[in-house]
N, C-alpha and C. Protein backbone atom coordinates (compact mmCIF):
# COMPACT_ATOMS: atom_id res chain seq x y z
N MET A 1 -16.95 16.99 -2.96
CA MET A 1 -15.35 17.49 -2.18
C MET A 1 -15.27 18.13 -3.69
N ASN A 2 -14.34 19.03 -3.34
CA ASN A 2 -13.80 20.21 -4.35
C ASN A 2 -12.57 19.00 -4.93
N PHE A 3 -12.14 20.03 -5.91
CA PHE A 3 -10.91 19.09 -6.45
C PHE A 3 -9.54 19.75 -4.92
N VAL A 4 -9.35 20.32 -4.47
CA VAL A 4 -8.97 20.48 -3.04
C VAL A 4 -8.50 19.19 -2.47
N ALA A 5 -9.68 19.34 -1.54
CA ALA A 5 -9.95 18.45 -0.96
C ALA A 5 -10.38 16.09 -1.50
N THR A 6 -10.35 16.31 -2.70
CA THR A 6 -10.04 14.93 -3.74
C THR A 6 -8.77 14.87 -3.73
N ALA A 7 -7.74 16.00 -4.57
CA ALA A 7 -6.12 15.59 -4.55
C ALA A 7 -5.54 15.15 -3.62
N ALA A 8 -6.02 16.36 -2.28
CA ALA A 8 -5.30 15.33 -0.78
C ALA A 8 -5.08 14.26 -0.33
N LEU A 9 -6.33 13.73 -0.81
CA LEU A 9 -6.83 12.32 0.06
C LEU A 9 -6.11 11.89 -0.87
N ALA A 10 -6.19 11.67 -2.41
CA ALA A 10 -5.83 11.44 -2.81
C ALA A 10 -4.23 10.95 -2.45
N LEU A 11 -3.35 11.83 -2.62
CA LEU A 11 -2.30 11.75 -1.87
C LEU A 11 -1.29 11.23 -0.47
N ALA A 12 -2.97 11.60 0.30
CA ALA A 12 -2.86 10.85 1.20
C ALA A 12 -2.74 9.04 1.76
N MET A 13 -3.88 8.45 0.62
CA MET A 13 -3.77 7.18 0.46
C MET A 13 -2.86 6.74 0.07
N SER A 14 -1.52 7.37 -0.92
CA SER A 14 -0.78 6.80 -1.57
C SER A 14 0.69 6.37 -1.20
N THR A 15 0.51 7.49 0.31
CA THR A 15 1.78 7.42 0.68
C THR A 15 2.41 6.38 1.18
N ASP A 16 1.21 5.57 1.82
CA ASP A 16 2.14 4.19 2.38
C ASP A 16 2.71 3.12 1.73
N ALA A 17 1.49 3.74 0.22
CA ALA A 17 2.02 2.40 -0.68
C ALA A 17 3.22 2.51 -0.87
N PHE A 18 2.97 4.13 -1.59
CA PHE A 18 5.32 4.96 -2.11
C PHE A 18 5.97 3.83 -1.23
N ALA A 19 5.77 3.94 -0.36
CA ALA A 19 6.62 3.53 1.55
C ALA A 19 7.37 1.93 1.07
N VAL A 20 6.24 1.77 0.67
CA VAL A 20 6.11 -0.23 0.21
C VAL A 20 6.70 -0.51 -1.07
N ALA A 21 6.90 0.80 -2.20
CA ALA A 21 7.20 0.03 -3.10
C ALA A 21 8.46 0.92 -3.61
N VAL A 22 8.73 1.40 -2.25
CA VAL A 22 10.23 1.53 -2.33
C VAL A 22 11.25 0.17 -1.46
N GLY A 23 10.66 -0.29 -1.20
CA GLY A 23 11.15 -1.87 -0.14
C GLY A 23 11.23 -2.28 -1.32
N LYS A 24 9.71 -2.64 -2.14
CA LYS A 24 9.94 -3.80 -3.06
C LYS A 24 11.02 -3.54 -4.31
N GLY A 25 11.27 -1.81 -4.98
CA GLY A 25 11.57 -1.57 -5.84
C GLY A 25 13.37 -2.88 -5.09
N ALA A 26 14.23 -2.13 -4.05
CA ALA A 26 15.19 -2.09 -3.43
C ALA A 26 15.21 -3.09 -3.16
N ALA A 27 14.22 -4.83 -3.52
CA ALA A 27 14.48 -6.38 -3.02
C ALA A 27 14.23 -6.13 -4.80
N LEU A 28 14.63 -6.10 -5.71
CA LEU A 28 14.13 -6.58 -6.74
C LEU A 28 15.82 -6.16 -7.83
N GLN A 29 16.21 -6.94 -8.84
CA GLN A 29 17.36 -7.02 -9.47
C GLN A 29 17.29 -6.28 -10.66
N ARG A 30 17.71 -4.69 -10.62
CA ARG A 30 17.89 -3.43 -10.90
C ARG A 30 15.60 -3.50 -11.83
N PRO A 31 15.09 -3.52 -11.51
CA PRO A 31 14.63 -3.00 -10.87
C PRO A 31 13.88 -1.98 -13.01
N HIS A 32 13.58 -2.31 -13.73
CA HIS A 32 13.33 -1.91 -15.04
C HIS A 32 11.77 -0.71 -14.84
N LEU A 33 11.35 0.20 -15.73
CA LEU A 33 10.59 0.95 -15.77
C LEU A 33 8.65 -0.11 -15.94
N ARG A 34 9.37 -0.79 -16.61
CA ARG A 34 8.40 -1.45 -17.10
C ARG A 34 7.47 -2.29 -16.02
N GLU A 35 8.58 -2.85 -15.07
CA GLU A 35 8.03 -3.84 -13.55
C GLU A 35 7.40 -2.45 -12.98
N ALA A 36 7.81 -1.80 -12.90
CA ALA A 36 7.59 -0.11 -11.96
C ALA A 36 6.05 0.17 -12.38
N LEU A 37 5.97 -0.02 -13.04
CA LEU A 37 4.13 0.32 -13.92
C LEU A 37 3.66 -0.77 -13.87
N ARG A 38 3.66 -1.66 -14.30
CA ARG A 38 3.00 -2.87 -13.79
C ARG A 38 3.39 -3.00 -11.71
N THR A 39 4.17 -2.63 -11.11
CA THR A 39 3.42 -2.50 -10.02
C THR A 39 2.79 -1.91 -9.77
N GLY A 40 3.34 -0.83 -10.07
CA GLY A 40 2.23 0.44 -9.96
C GLY A 40 0.73 0.47 -10.64
N ALA A 41 0.57 -0.60 -11.32
CA ALA A 41 -0.81 -0.41 -12.16
C ALA A 41 -1.81 -1.31 -10.96
N ILE A 42 -1.02 -2.67 -10.44
CA ILE A 42 -1.77 -3.07 -9.44
C ILE A 42 -1.76 -2.35 -7.97
N PHE A 43 -0.87 -1.80 -7.75
CA PHE A 43 -1.44 -1.37 -6.67
C PHE A 43 -2.33 0.04 -6.12
N GLY A 44 -2.34 0.12 -8.37
CA GLY A 44 -3.36 1.69 -8.36
C GLY A 44 -4.46 1.06 -7.96
N VAL A 45 -4.87 -0.07 -9.59
CA VAL A 45 -6.13 -0.43 -9.62
C VAL A 45 -6.69 -0.90 -8.04
N ILE A 46 -6.27 -1.50 -7.72
CA ILE A 46 -6.66 -2.10 -6.24
C ILE A 46 -6.66 -0.30 -4.84
N GLU A 47 -5.69 0.09 -4.83
CA GLU A 47 -6.23 0.96 -4.10
C GLU A 47 -7.45 1.99 -5.08
N GLY A 48 -8.02 1.80 -6.41
CA GLY A 48 -9.21 2.46 -7.03
C GLY A 48 -10.32 1.87 -6.10
N ILE A 49 -9.83 1.19 -6.37
CA ILE A 49 -11.66 -0.48 -6.27
C ILE A 49 -12.10 -0.42 -4.90
N THR A 50 -10.78 -0.35 -3.94
CA THR A 50 -11.25 -0.39 -2.10
C THR A 50 -11.91 0.58 -1.97
N PRO A 51 -12.33 2.00 -2.60
CA PRO A 51 -12.47 3.36 -1.80
C PRO A 51 -14.14 2.96 -2.03
N VAL A 52 -14.32 2.42 -3.69
CA VAL A 52 -15.67 1.57 -4.15
C VAL A 52 -16.23 1.15 -3.67
N ILE A 53 -15.98 -0.16 -3.44
CA ILE A 53 -16.14 -1.42 -2.07
C ILE A 53 -16.96 -0.56 -0.95
N GLY A 54 -15.86 -0.26 -0.26
CA GLY A 54 -15.86 0.40 1.26
C GLY A 54 -17.41 1.49 1.10
N TRP A 55 -17.09 2.00 -0.21
CA TRP A 55 -18.49 3.00 -0.37
C TRP A 55 -19.92 2.10 -0.17
N ALA A 56 -19.50 1.09 -0.91
CA ALA A 56 -20.70 0.97 -1.35
C ALA A 56 -21.51 -0.37 0.83
N LEU A 57 -20.59 -0.34 1.01
CA LEU A 57 -20.15 -1.15 2.18
C LEU A 57 -20.68 -0.10 3.17
N GLY A 58 -20.31 0.77 3.09
CA GLY A 58 -20.76 2.30 4.09
C GLY A 58 -22.25 2.03 3.93
N HIS A 59 -23.46 1.62 3.23
CA HIS A 59 -24.37 1.98 3.06
C HIS A 59 -25.24 0.97 3.52
N TRP A 60 -24.72 -0.68 3.30
CA TRP A 60 -25.11 -0.83 4.87
C TRP A 60 -24.21 -1.80 5.80
N ALA A 61 -23.02 -1.68 5.56
CA ALA A 61 -22.55 -2.13 7.56
C ALA A 61 -21.50 -1.40 7.27
N ALA A 62 -21.31 0.07 7.47
CA ALA A 62 -21.03 0.61 7.92
C ALA A 62 -19.78 0.26 10.12
N PRO A 63 -20.85 -0.17 10.27
CA PRO A 63 -20.50 0.11 11.53
C PRO A 63 -19.19 -1.66 11.80
N TYR A 64 -19.29 -2.01 10.76
CA TYR A 64 -18.35 -4.10 11.14
C TYR A 64 -17.42 -3.95 9.96
N VAL A 65 -17.40 -2.93 9.21
CA VAL A 65 -16.07 -2.13 8.06
C VAL A 65 -15.00 -1.55 9.01
N GLU A 66 -15.83 -0.89 10.21
CA GLU A 66 -14.38 -0.08 10.19
C GLU A 66 -14.01 -0.54 11.76
N ALA A 67 -14.90 -1.47 12.04
CA ALA A 67 -15.10 -2.67 13.26
C ALA A 67 -13.45 -3.33 13.41
N TRP A 68 -13.65 -3.43 12.03
CA TRP A 68 -12.28 -4.63 11.99
C TRP A 68 -11.19 -4.14 10.88
N ASP A 69 -11.71 -3.06 10.49
CA ASP A 69 -10.66 -3.08 9.21
C ASP A 69 -9.12 -2.50 9.26
N HIS A 70 -8.67 -1.86 10.94
CA HIS A 70 -7.53 -1.56 11.28
C HIS A 70 -7.25 -3.47 11.62
N TRP A 71 -7.65 -3.75 12.48
CA TRP A 71 -7.33 -5.65 12.75
C TRP A 71 -6.43 -6.02 11.39
N ILE A 72 -7.35 -6.46 10.21
CA ILE A 72 -7.38 -6.85 9.44
C ILE A 72 -5.07 -6.25 8.62
N ALA A 73 -5.69 -5.32 8.07
CA ALA A 73 -4.63 -4.17 8.02
C ALA A 73 -3.56 -4.62 9.13
N PHE A 74 -3.48 -4.28 9.61
CA PHE A 74 -2.29 -5.12 10.72
C PHE A 74 -2.24 -6.16 10.36
N THR A 75 -2.39 -7.42 11.06
CA THR A 75 -2.08 -8.84 10.60
C THR A 75 -1.61 -8.83 8.84
N LEU A 76 -2.64 -8.36 8.01
CA LEU A 76 -1.43 -8.64 6.25
C LEU A 76 -0.51 -7.93 6.05
N LEU A 77 -0.97 -6.75 7.44
CA LEU A 77 0.44 -6.10 7.40
C LEU A 77 2.48 -6.85 7.69
N LEU A 78 1.43 -7.17 8.36
CA LEU A 78 2.67 -7.72 9.51
C LEU A 78 3.07 -9.15 9.29
N VAL A 79 2.50 -9.95 8.62
CA VAL A 79 2.63 -11.05 8.24
C VAL A 79 3.78 -10.82 6.58
N LEU A 80 2.88 -9.87 5.61
CA LEU A 80 4.01 -9.66 4.58
C LEU A 80 5.38 -8.76 5.49
N GLY A 81 5.18 -8.46 6.12
CA GLY A 81 6.71 -7.88 6.58
C GLY A 81 7.40 -8.78 7.09
N LEU A 82 7.17 -9.64 7.61
CA LEU A 82 7.82 -10.23 8.83
C LEU A 82 8.06 -11.92 7.49
N ARG A 83 7.54 -11.89 6.60
CA ARG A 83 8.11 -12.96 5.13
C ARG A 83 9.12 -12.07 4.55
N MET A 84 9.36 -10.34 4.14
CA MET A 84 10.12 -9.84 3.57
C MET A 84 11.44 -9.92 4.51
N ILE A 85 10.92 -10.05 6.13
CA ILE A 85 12.17 -10.22 6.93
C ILE A 85 13.04 -11.23 7.50
N ARG A 86 12.09 -12.34 6.99
CA ARG A 86 13.16 -13.74 6.45
C ARG A 86 13.59 -13.98 5.85
N GLU A 87 13.01 -13.20 4.36
CA GLU A 87 13.70 -13.43 3.29
C GLU A 87 14.86 -12.85 3.08
N GLY A 88 15.23 -11.36 3.61
CA GLY A 88 15.52 -10.43 3.80
C GLY A 88 17.30 -11.00 4.64
N LEU A 89 16.93 -11.94 5.24
CA LEU A 89 17.43 -12.71 6.55
C LEU A 89 18.73 -13.60 5.94
N SER A 90 17.73 -14.60 5.14
CA SER A 90 18.12 -15.58 4.42
C SER A 90 18.93 -15.04 2.36
N ALA A 91 18.71 -14.06 2.42
CA ALA A 91 19.52 -13.69 1.07
C ALA A 91 20.49 -13.04 1.35
N ALA A 92 21.16 -13.70 -0.46
CA ALA A 92 22.91 -13.24 -0.56
C ALA A 92 22.46 -11.76 -0.30
N ASP A 93 23.31 -11.36 -0.32
CA ASP A 93 23.61 -9.39 -1.20
C ASP A 93 24.14 -10.17 -2.59
N ASP A 94 24.27 -11.39 -2.99
CA ASP A 94 24.73 -11.03 -4.87
C ASP A 94 23.31 -10.68 -5.46
N GLU A 95 23.60 -9.20 -6.53
CA GLU A 95 23.22 -9.38 -7.06
C GLU A 95 22.08 -9.73 -7.77
N ASP A 96 23.42 -11.45 -8.54
CA ASP A 96 21.82 -12.13 -9.37
C ASP A 96 21.73 -12.67 -8.64
N GLU A 97 21.40 -13.04 -7.38
CA GLU A 97 19.97 -13.88 -7.18
C GLU A 97 18.66 -13.00 -6.48
N LYS A 98 18.59 -11.96 -6.60
CA LYS A 98 17.99 -10.69 -6.24
C LYS A 98 16.81 -11.27 -7.62
N PRO A 99 15.62 -11.77 -7.50
CA PRO A 99 14.44 -11.63 -8.27
C PRO A 99 14.14 -10.71 -8.71
N SER A 100 13.92 -10.58 -10.48
CA SER A 100 13.83 -8.99 -11.45
C SER A 100 12.13 -8.59 -11.33
N SER A 101 12.07 -9.60 -10.25
CA SER A 101 10.02 -9.37 -10.32
C SER A 101 9.53 -9.86 -9.34
N HIS A 102 8.24 -9.61 -8.63
CA HIS A 102 7.54 -9.67 -7.91
C HIS A 102 5.97 -10.56 -8.83
N GLY A 103 6.17 -11.35 -7.88
CA GLY A 103 4.58 -12.13 -8.43
C GLY A 103 3.67 -10.99 -8.29
N PHE A 104 2.50 -11.38 -9.54
CA PHE A 104 1.24 -11.12 -9.37
C PHE A 104 0.54 -11.02 -7.79
N TRP A 105 0.15 -12.23 -7.08
CA TRP A 105 -0.30 -12.03 -5.78
C TRP A 105 0.17 -11.57 -4.57
N LEU A 106 1.74 -11.68 -5.05
CA LEU A 106 1.69 -11.14 -3.80
C LEU A 106 2.16 -9.06 -3.86
N LEU A 107 2.23 -8.94 -4.95
CA LEU A 107 2.20 -7.42 -5.02
C LEU A 107 0.13 -7.26 -4.71
N ALA A 108 -0.29 -8.20 -4.95
CA ALA A 108 -1.81 -7.66 -5.45
C ALA A 108 -2.03 -7.98 -3.96
N VAL A 109 -2.03 -8.85 -2.61
CA VAL A 109 -2.09 -8.99 -1.71
C VAL A 109 -1.34 -7.81 -0.37
N THR A 110 -0.16 -7.51 -1.77
CA THR A 110 0.46 -6.02 -0.20
C THR A 110 -0.42 -4.74 -0.16
N GLY A 111 -0.32 -4.97 -1.91
CA GLY A 111 -1.54 -4.06 -2.76
C GLY A 111 -2.55 -3.87 -1.24
N PHE A 112 -3.55 -5.21 -1.43
CA PHE A 112 -4.94 -4.66 -0.29
C PHE A 112 -4.77 -4.30 0.99
N ALA A 113 -3.87 -4.79 0.78
CA ALA A 113 -3.01 -4.00 2.70
C ALA A 113 -3.30 -3.14 2.68
N THR A 114 -2.06 -2.47 1.69
CA THR A 114 -1.55 -0.94 1.67
C THR A 114 -3.39 -0.47 1.47
N SER A 115 -4.50 -1.08 1.12
CA SER A 115 -5.31 0.25 0.61
C SER A 115 -6.96 0.08 1.55
N ILE A 116 -6.37 -1.51 2.40
CA ILE A 116 -7.51 -0.52 3.68
C ILE A 116 -8.06 0.80 4.64
N ASP A 117 -7.33 1.31 4.11
CA ASP A 117 -7.64 3.04 5.20
C ASP A 117 -8.39 3.31 4.15
N ALA A 118 -7.95 2.90 2.55
CA ALA A 118 -9.03 3.64 1.57
C ALA A 118 -10.15 2.96 1.48
N LEU A 119 -10.49 2.12 1.64
CA LEU A 119 -11.60 0.85 2.38
C LEU A 119 -12.18 2.11 2.94
N ALA A 120 -11.79 2.42 4.17
CA ALA A 120 -12.67 2.40 5.02
C ALA A 120 -13.08 3.96 4.81
N VAL A 121 -11.94 5.06 4.53
CA VAL A 121 -12.34 5.61 3.81
C VAL A 121 -13.02 5.69 2.51
N GLY A 122 -13.90 5.21 2.07
CA GLY A 122 -15.04 4.55 0.95
C GLY A 122 -16.33 4.66 1.69
N VAL A 123 -16.68 3.91 3.11
CA VAL A 123 -17.24 4.24 4.05
C VAL A 123 -17.40 5.42 4.41
N GLY A 124 -16.70 6.25 4.69
CA GLY A 124 -16.76 7.77 4.96
C GLY A 124 -17.37 8.39 4.31
N LEU A 125 -17.16 8.20 2.75
CA LEU A 125 -17.69 9.19 1.72
C LEU A 125 -19.15 8.51 1.47
N ALA A 126 -19.32 7.32 1.93
CA ALA A 126 -21.37 7.16 1.54
C ALA A 126 -21.84 8.08 2.49
N PHE A 127 -21.37 8.83 3.74
CA PHE A 127 -22.21 9.37 4.44
C PHE A 127 -22.11 10.77 3.76
N ILE A 128 -21.22 11.15 3.23
CA ILE A 128 -20.94 12.76 2.41
C ILE A 128 -21.68 12.91 1.11
N ASP A 129 -21.71 13.80 0.45
CA ASP A 129 -21.73 14.23 -0.95
C ASP A 129 -20.44 14.48 -1.75
N ALA A 130 -20.04 12.52 -2.56
CA ALA A 130 -18.60 12.79 -3.07
C ALA A 130 -18.89 12.29 -3.87
N ASN A 131 -18.26 13.04 -5.14
CA ASN A 131 -18.28 11.64 -6.63
C ASN A 131 -17.46 9.91 -6.07
N ILE A 132 -18.12 9.35 -5.91
CA ILE A 132 -16.89 8.17 -5.28
C ILE A 132 -16.13 7.64 -6.29
N VAL A 133 -16.88 7.78 -7.91
CA VAL A 133 -16.20 7.56 -9.07
C VAL A 133 -14.79 8.22 -9.18
N THR A 134 -14.86 10.11 -9.18
CA THR A 134 -14.21 10.41 -9.15
C THR A 134 -12.82 10.48 -7.78
N VAL A 135 -13.36 10.30 -6.32
CA VAL A 135 -12.23 10.54 -5.66
C VAL A 135 -11.83 9.30 -6.16
N ALA A 136 -12.41 8.01 -6.66
CA ALA A 136 -11.56 6.35 -6.56
C ALA A 136 -10.95 5.94 -7.76
N GLY A 137 -11.69 7.32 -8.40
CA GLY A 137 -10.20 7.05 -9.78
C GLY A 137 -9.04 8.09 -9.54
N ALA A 138 -9.26 9.27 -8.75
CA ALA A 138 -7.62 10.19 -8.44
C ALA A 138 -7.25 9.52 -6.96
N ILE A 139 -6.95 8.92 -6.57
CA ILE A 139 -7.12 7.67 -5.57
C ILE A 139 -6.20 6.19 -6.15
N GLY A 140 -6.60 5.68 -7.37
CA GLY A 140 -6.13 5.08 -8.43
C GLY A 140 -4.81 5.60 -8.71
N PHE A 141 -5.41 6.94 -9.60
CA PHE A 141 -4.23 7.28 -10.09
C PHE A 141 -2.83 7.92 -9.47
N SER A 142 -3.26 8.22 -8.38
CA SER A 142 -2.45 8.84 -7.26
C SER A 142 -0.85 7.57 -7.29
N THR A 143 -1.84 6.89 -6.95
CA THR A 143 -0.94 5.33 -6.09
C THR A 143 -0.27 4.74 -7.56
N PHE A 144 -0.89 4.88 -8.62
CA PHE A 144 -0.39 4.73 -9.95
C PHE A 144 0.82 5.92 -10.37
N VAL A 145 0.72 6.67 -10.13
CA VAL A 145 2.27 7.63 -10.32
C VAL A 145 3.08 7.04 -9.07
N MET A 146 2.68 7.64 -7.93
CA MET A 146 3.76 7.38 -6.19
C MET A 146 4.12 6.22 -6.08
N VAL A 147 3.26 4.35 -6.88
CA VAL A 147 3.72 3.63 -6.80
C VAL A 147 5.26 3.25 -7.54
N THR A 148 5.13 3.59 -8.55
CA THR A 148 5.87 3.83 -10.02
C THR A 148 6.94 4.42 -10.15
N LEU A 149 7.00 5.39 -8.95
CA LEU A 149 8.27 6.37 -8.80
C LEU A 149 8.77 5.42 -7.32
N GLY A 150 7.74 4.94 -6.48
CA GLY A 150 8.69 4.30 -5.24
C GLY A 150 9.69 3.30 -5.68
N VAL A 151 9.12 2.18 -7.13
CA VAL A 151 9.63 0.97 -7.12
C VAL A 151 11.10 1.16 -8.23
N MET A 152 10.75 2.22 -8.29
CA MET A 152 11.99 3.02 -9.69
C MET A 152 13.39 4.04 -8.21
N VAL A 153 12.76 5.01 -7.58
CA VAL A 153 13.27 5.06 -6.23
C VAL A 153 14.21 3.90 -4.84
N GLY A 154 13.85 2.51 -5.25
CA GLY A 154 14.21 1.55 -4.48
C GLY A 154 15.08 0.69 -5.54
N ARG A 155 14.94 1.11 -6.72
CA ARG A 155 16.17 0.62 -7.60
C ARG A 155 17.13 0.91 -6.89
N GLY A 156 17.81 2.39 -6.66
CA GLY A 156 18.76 3.28 -7.11
C GLY A 156 19.36 2.65 -5.14
N LEU A 157 18.09 2.78 -4.14
CA LEU A 157 18.42 2.18 -2.93
C LEU A 157 18.96 0.86 -3.16
N GLY A 158 17.91 -0.22 -3.52
CA GLY A 158 19.08 -1.52 -3.60
C GLY A 158 20.35 -2.09 -3.65
N LYS A 159 21.20 -0.83 -4.06
CA LYS A 159 22.22 -0.57 -4.93
C LYS A 159 23.15 -0.32 -4.14
N LEU A 160 22.48 0.37 -2.76
CA LEU A 160 23.31 1.14 -1.51
C LEU A 160 22.97 0.15 -0.34
N VAL A 161 22.17 -0.44 -0.12
CA VAL A 161 21.62 -1.03 1.39
C VAL A 161 21.64 -2.55 1.30
N GLY A 162 21.87 -3.56 -0.65
CA GLY A 162 22.06 -4.64 -0.94
C GLY A 162 21.20 -5.93 0.21
N LYS A 163 21.31 -5.99 0.53
CA LYS A 163 20.43 -6.92 0.69
C LYS A 163 19.37 -6.97 2.25
N ARG A 164 19.60 -5.45 3.29
CA ARG A 164 19.38 -4.94 4.16
C ARG A 164 18.30 -4.18 3.40
N ALA A 165 18.23 -3.66 1.70
CA ALA A 165 16.31 -3.94 1.55
C ALA A 165 15.52 -4.57 1.62
N GLU A 166 15.52 -5.65 1.49
CA GLU A 166 14.01 -7.22 1.91
C GLU A 166 13.63 -6.27 3.92
N LEU A 167 15.30 -6.17 4.69
CA LEU A 167 14.74 -5.94 5.69
C LEU A 167 14.04 -5.01 6.13
N VAL A 168 14.13 -3.80 5.09
CA VAL A 168 13.64 -2.36 5.91
C VAL A 168 12.41 -2.59 5.02
N GLY A 169 11.96 -2.64 3.92
CA GLY A 169 11.23 -3.07 3.80
C GLY A 169 9.27 -3.57 4.19
N GLY A 170 9.84 -4.78 4.58
CA GLY A 170 9.97 -5.92 6.12
C GLY A 170 9.74 -5.05 7.05
N LEU A 171 10.20 -4.24 7.65
CA LEU A 171 10.23 -3.36 8.77
C LEU A 171 9.07 -2.19 8.51
N VAL A 172 9.31 -1.29 7.66
CA VAL A 172 8.10 -0.40 7.14
C VAL A 172 6.64 -0.83 6.83
N LEU A 173 6.79 -2.53 6.13
CA LEU A 173 5.32 -2.77 6.76
C LEU A 173 4.50 -3.22 7.34
N ILE A 174 5.80 -3.42 8.78
CA ILE A 174 5.37 -3.92 10.07
C ILE A 174 4.54 -1.95 10.81
N VAL A 175 6.17 -0.89 10.45
CA VAL A 175 5.35 -0.04 11.40
C VAL A 175 3.89 0.41 10.44
N ILE A 176 3.81 0.47 8.66
CA ILE A 176 2.87 0.49 8.70
C ILE A 176 1.49 0.18 9.38
N GLY A 177 1.69 -1.67 9.57
CA GLY A 177 0.07 -1.84 9.81
C GLY A 177 0.50 -1.32 11.44
N ALA A 178 1.03 -1.25 12.14
CA ALA A 178 1.04 -0.84 13.83
C ALA A 178 0.60 0.74 13.72
N ALA A 179 0.98 1.76 12.42
CA ALA A 179 0.29 3.10 12.57
C ALA A 179 -1.20 2.76 12.32
N ILE A 180 -1.61 1.96 11.60
CA ILE A 180 -3.03 1.71 11.43
C ILE A 180 -3.67 0.99 12.71
N LEU A 181 -2.83 0.00 13.65
CA LEU A 181 -3.80 -0.11 14.70
C LEU A 181 -3.58 0.59 15.30
N TYR A 182 -2.45 1.76 15.38
CA TYR A 182 -2.46 2.41 16.81
C TYR A 182 -3.79 3.55 16.68
N GLU A 183 -3.58 4.33 14.91
CA GLU A 183 -4.08 5.42 14.74
C GLU A 183 -5.96 4.88 15.36
N HIS A 184 -6.42 3.70 14.66
CA HIS A 184 -7.69 3.20 14.72
C HIS A 184 -8.07 2.71 16.61
N LEU A 185 -6.68 2.81 17.09
CA LEU A 185 -7.25 2.07 18.88
C LEU A 185 -7.14 3.66 19.19
N GLY A 186 -6.43 4.77 19.05
CA GLY A 186 -6.15 5.85 19.57
C GLY A 186 -7.66 6.62 19.19
N HIS A 187 -8.18 6.49 18.75
CA HIS A 187 -9.36 7.02 17.73
C HIS A 187 -10.02 6.22 19.10
N ALA A 188 -10.84 5.08 18.88
CA ALA A 188 -11.47 4.20 19.49
C ALA A 188 -12.10 4.57 21.43
N ALA A 189 -10.03 4.84 21.35
CA ALA A 189 -9.85 5.26 23.15
C ALA A 189 -11.03 6.80 23.62
N ARG A 190 -11.02 7.85 22.22
CA ARG A 190 -11.40 9.21 23.10
C ARG A 190 -12.52 9.11 22.55
């Protein structure tokens, strides 16, 4: 893969994480750059590791990963999205009641859910002449940057939308999961 293809792939793999990060930032009480960097690092590391795992799986288990990856992503994003919507409906609009940071495990599960597509890409990369270390590094770095920016953009949006930020973030997760499912089932029908 050349530089342009690698950069385009890295950007494509980080867009869903960016959308989720905007919701995460909006749901927090004035997130600082340190929290944005922490969130970006968690998502970036996970998004960088999953194509390597997919690449390794691609050498021996491609049919199994491709058969279930979209269902795994959809289920995780649906559950996380519903959880965010529930919290948004029960949350007060008081800025003081918003958390100042998200827990590590919540971020890690969300990061994994948005990186299932990178896992599938890694499977595909096992069958072409691609340097998996370079591609995974580019995906991880792009995700780190996009998520960090997304949390900071969400910070500004959080002031505008108040408690609805959690609702919007949950809906975004569900839409991303449904889009992944629709895309994979649409390819299977062709």
